[in-house]
Protein backbone atom coordinates (compact mmCIF):
# COMPACT_ATOMS: atom_id res chain seq x y z
CA MET A 1 -34.72 -15.00 -23.55
CA LYS A 2 -37.82 -15.56 -25.71
CA HIS A 3 -39.85 -13.93 -22.93
CA PHE A 4 -37.63 -10.81 -23.02
CA PHE A 5 -37.97 -10.43 -26.81
CA THR A 6 -41.75 -10.80 -26.62
CA ILE A 7 -41.97 -7.89 -24.16
CA ILE A 8 -39.64 -5.76 -26.33
CA ALA A 9 -41.79 -6.51 -29.41
CA VAL A 10 -44.93 -5.47 -27.50
CA LEU A 11 -43.27 -2.20 -26.47
CA VAL A 12 -42.12 -1.39 -30.03
CA VAL A 13 -45.60 -2.08 -31.42
CA GLY A 14 -47.13 0.12 -28.70
CA ILE A 15 -44.81 3.02 -29.46
CA ALA A 16 -45.37 2.75 -33.23
CA THR A 17 -49.16 2.70 -32.91
CA ALA A 18 -49.37 5.36 -30.19
CA GLN A 19 -51.06 2.80 -27.93
CA PRO A 20 -49.70 1.76 -24.54
CA PRO A 21 -48.28 -1.76 -24.50
CA LYS A 22 -50.19 -4.65 -22.99
CA PHE A 23 -48.48 -6.82 -20.44
CA GLN A 24 -49.97 -10.18 -21.37
CA GLU A 25 -48.36 -13.38 -22.51
CA VAL A 26 -49.09 -17.08 -22.93
CA VAL A 27 -46.06 -19.04 -21.73
CA GLN A 28 -45.48 -22.67 -22.68
CA VAL A 29 -44.26 -24.97 -19.91
CA PRO A 30 -44.29 -28.40 -21.59
CA GLY A 31 -45.04 -31.41 -19.46
CA VAL A 32 -46.37 -29.48 -16.46
CA SER A 33 -49.98 -30.02 -15.45
CA ALA A 34 -52.50 -27.24 -14.86
CA ASP A 35 -52.61 -28.25 -11.17
CA ALA A 36 -48.82 -27.94 -10.83
CA LEU A 37 -48.77 -24.56 -12.60
CA TYR A 38 -51.61 -23.32 -10.40
CA SER A 39 -49.67 -24.43 -7.33
CA ARG A 40 -46.55 -22.63 -8.58
CA ALA A 41 -48.60 -19.46 -9.19
CA LYS A 42 -49.93 -19.55 -5.61
CA GLU A 43 -46.39 -20.10 -4.36
CA TRP A 44 -45.19 -17.13 -6.44
CA PHE A 45 -47.82 -14.88 -4.82
CA ALA A 46 -46.75 -16.07 -1.37
CA GLU A 47 -43.03 -15.52 -2.03
CA THR A 48 -43.34 -12.26 -3.97
CA PHE A 49 -45.71 -10.22 -1.80
CA VAL A 50 -45.60 -9.45 1.91
CA SER A 51 -49.06 -10.87 2.52
CA ALA A 52 -50.39 -13.12 -0.22
CA GLN A 53 -53.71 -13.35 1.61
CA ASP A 54 -54.19 -9.59 1.21
CA VAL A 55 -52.98 -9.62 -2.39
CA VAL A 56 -55.03 -12.49 -3.84
CA GLN A 57 -58.53 -11.26 -4.72
CA LEU A 58 -59.76 -14.37 -6.56
CA ASP A 59 -58.59 -17.95 -5.98
CA ASP A 60 -60.52 -20.18 -8.39
CA VAL A 61 -59.18 -23.70 -7.85
CA ALA A 62 -61.61 -25.37 -10.30
CA ASN A 63 -60.57 -23.13 -13.21
CA HIS A 64 -56.89 -22.77 -12.13
CA LYS A 65 -57.21 -18.96 -12.02
CA LEU A 66 -55.74 -16.42 -9.60
CA ILE A 67 -56.22 -12.65 -9.59
CA GLY A 68 -54.27 -10.42 -7.24
CA LYS A 69 -53.44 -6.78 -6.61
CA GLY A 70 -49.78 -6.02 -6.06
CA ILE A 71 -47.31 -3.22 -5.55
CA THR A 72 -43.80 -3.15 -7.01
CA GLU A 73 -40.69 -2.31 -5.05
CA GLU A 74 -39.72 1.36 -5.15
CA TYR A 75 -37.82 2.62 -8.17
CA SER A 76 -36.58 6.00 -9.35
CA SER A 77 -39.42 7.91 -10.99
CA TYR A 78 -37.17 10.47 -12.72
CA LEU A 79 -40.04 12.93 -12.36
CA VAL A 80 -38.67 14.76 -9.34
CA PHE A 81 -35.15 15.13 -8.01
CA ASP A 82 -34.27 11.98 -6.06
CA GLY A 83 -37.92 10.98 -6.25
CA SER A 84 -39.00 7.40 -5.93
CA ALA A 85 -42.16 5.68 -7.01
CA HIS A 86 -43.86 2.33 -7.00
CA ALA A 87 -46.55 0.87 -9.19
CA LYS A 88 -49.89 -0.65 -8.17
CA PHE A 89 -51.28 -3.26 -10.53
CA THR A 90 -53.65 -6.19 -10.95
CA ILE A 91 -52.31 -9.52 -12.21
CA LYS A 92 -54.39 -12.42 -13.51
CA ILE A 93 -52.80 -15.86 -13.92
CA GLU A 94 -54.70 -18.63 -15.73
CA CYS A 95 -53.23 -22.15 -15.94
CA LYS A 96 -53.84 -25.00 -18.37
CA ASN A 97 -51.87 -28.17 -19.03
CA GLY A 98 -48.49 -27.18 -20.43
CA ARG A 99 -49.05 -23.41 -20.39
CA TYR A 100 -50.21 -20.41 -18.42
CA ARG A 101 -51.33 -16.91 -19.35
CA TYR A 102 -50.69 -13.82 -17.30
CA SER A 103 -52.17 -10.37 -17.75
CA ILE A 104 -51.04 -7.28 -15.87
CA TYR A 105 -53.45 -4.35 -16.00
CA GLY A 106 -54.88 -1.49 -13.93
CA ILE A 107 -51.36 -0.12 -13.60
CA GLU A 108 -50.93 3.13 -11.65
CA GLU A 109 -47.71 4.79 -10.61
CA SER A 110 -47.56 6.30 -7.16
CA PHE A 111 -45.03 8.96 -6.32
CA ARG A 112 -44.55 11.38 -3.46
CA VAL A 113 -45.10 15.01 -4.40
CA SER A 114 -42.70 16.49 -1.84
CA LEU A 115 -39.15 15.37 -1.12
CA ASP A 116 -39.82 14.74 2.57
CA ASP A 117 -42.33 12.29 4.01
CA SER A 118 -44.97 14.97 4.60
CA GLY A 119 -46.33 14.95 1.04
CA GLU A 120 -49.18 12.75 -0.10
CA ASN A 121 -48.79 10.09 -2.74
CA THR A 122 -50.07 11.02 -6.17
CA TYR A 123 -51.31 8.33 -8.54
CA GLN A 124 -51.24 8.42 -12.32
CA SER A 125 -52.41 5.70 -14.70
CA PHE A 126 -50.01 3.88 -16.99
CA GLU A 127 -52.00 5.10 -19.98
CA ASN A 128 -51.52 8.76 -18.97
CA ILE A 129 -47.79 8.23 -18.41
CA PHE A 130 -47.60 6.63 -21.87
CA ILE A 131 -49.35 9.62 -23.43
CA ALA A 132 -47.10 12.08 -21.58
CA SER A 133 -43.98 10.34 -22.91
CA HIS A 134 -44.92 9.72 -26.57
CA PRO A 135 -45.44 12.61 -29.02
CA LYS A 136 -47.83 10.70 -31.35
CA ALA A 137 -50.00 9.62 -28.42
CA MET A 138 -49.98 13.17 -27.02
CA ALA A 139 -50.97 14.59 -30.42
CA LYS A 140 -53.91 12.14 -30.61
CA GLU A 141 -54.98 13.00 -27.07
CA ARG A 142 -54.83 16.76 -27.76
CA GLU A 143 -56.90 16.26 -30.91
CA LYS A 144 -59.46 14.12 -29.03
CA LYS A 145 -59.82 16.88 -26.39
CA GLY A 146 -60.23 19.59 -29.04
CA MET A 147 -56.94 21.30 -28.14
CA ARG A 148 -54.93 23.09 -30.77
CA PRO A 149 -52.28 20.94 -32.45
CA LEU A 150 -48.60 21.47 -31.66
CA LYS A 151 -45.64 20.94 -33.94
CA LEU A 152 -43.82 17.64 -33.51
CA LYS A 153 -40.66 19.32 -32.15
CA LYS A 154 -42.65 21.03 -29.40
CA LEU A 155 -44.42 17.76 -28.53
CA GLU A 156 -41.10 15.92 -28.45
CA LYS A 157 -39.71 18.50 -26.03
CA ARG A 158 -42.74 18.19 -23.73
CA CYS A 159 -42.57 14.40 -23.83
CA SER A 160 -38.82 14.13 -23.26
CA ILE A 161 -39.07 14.76 -19.50
CA HIS A 162 -41.43 11.79 -19.11
CA ILE A 163 -39.57 9.21 -21.21
CA LYS A 164 -37.31 7.95 -18.39
CA ARG A 165 -40.30 7.79 -16.08
CA TYR A 166 -42.20 5.68 -18.62
CA GLU A 167 -39.17 3.43 -19.16
CA ALA A 168 -38.76 2.93 -15.38
CA LEU A 169 -42.42 1.93 -15.06
CA VAL A 170 -42.20 -0.49 -18.00
CA LYS A 171 -39.05 -2.00 -16.47
CA ALA A 172 -40.89 -2.49 -13.16
CA MET A 173 -43.79 -4.25 -14.90
CA ARG A 174 -41.39 -6.33 -16.99
CA GLY A 175 -39.75 -7.31 -13.70
CA VAL A 176 -43.07 -8.63 -12.38
CA GLY A 177 -43.60 -10.72 -15.53
CA GLY A 178 -39.97 -11.94 -15.41
CA SER A 179 -40.25 -12.94 -11.77
CA LEU A 180 -43.40 -14.94 -12.52
CA TYR A 181 -41.78 -16.53 -15.58
CA ASN A 182 -38.73 -17.64 -13.57
CA HIS A 183 -40.88 -19.14 -10.86
CA MET A 184 -43.36 -20.89 -13.16
CA SER A 185 -40.65 -22.28 -15.45
CA LYS A 186 -38.43 -23.71 -12.73
CA VAL A 187 -37.49 -27.33 -13.15
CA THR A 188 -38.37 -29.49 -10.18
CA SER A 189 -37.05 -32.94 -9.59
CA SER A 190 -38.38 -35.85 -7.61
CA GLU A 191 -35.44 -35.29 -5.24
CA ASP A 192 -37.26 -32.18 -3.98
CA ASP A 193 -39.97 -34.46 -2.58
CA ASN A 194 -37.54 -36.79 -0.80
CA TRP A 195 -36.49 -34.69 2.13
């Protein structure tokens, strides 16, 4: 539950400051060694992705660090009628005695332009989706590009069509962090070893 509130707090801060949220957290797992957490992280990669060997880009045993590139399951993008999307991302997991840190970054949403399978996938960064769905962020971006300012009501109307898309992408990323949290925090007993 603490994990959920941390993510919500990050999202609220991101919206208030017109900055996209960061998906990074240090999670305490008291009494679990760095070696055991590292092993759980490797197991999570193997159980979460179709081919962990293709996903894991860095496997640093000495420093208990893993970096991988993953893809979420499909979700509704809300951008097009009955459209679906998935997100590509990079995740870094670093383990120390009693805690681990994960960072999810390089997030891009992929969606099909046409409703049939003939269209090509289009990719858009998480930062651009954030800007498209938040009036303050869009106003800053327009100012940075030297575009004429728009009234808040007009910006809100433009952003409204992207809000559900942004929320779906955040939910997908939160799902990745939640899946990792559940796996890394699981309680194991000595009975598991006596098979």
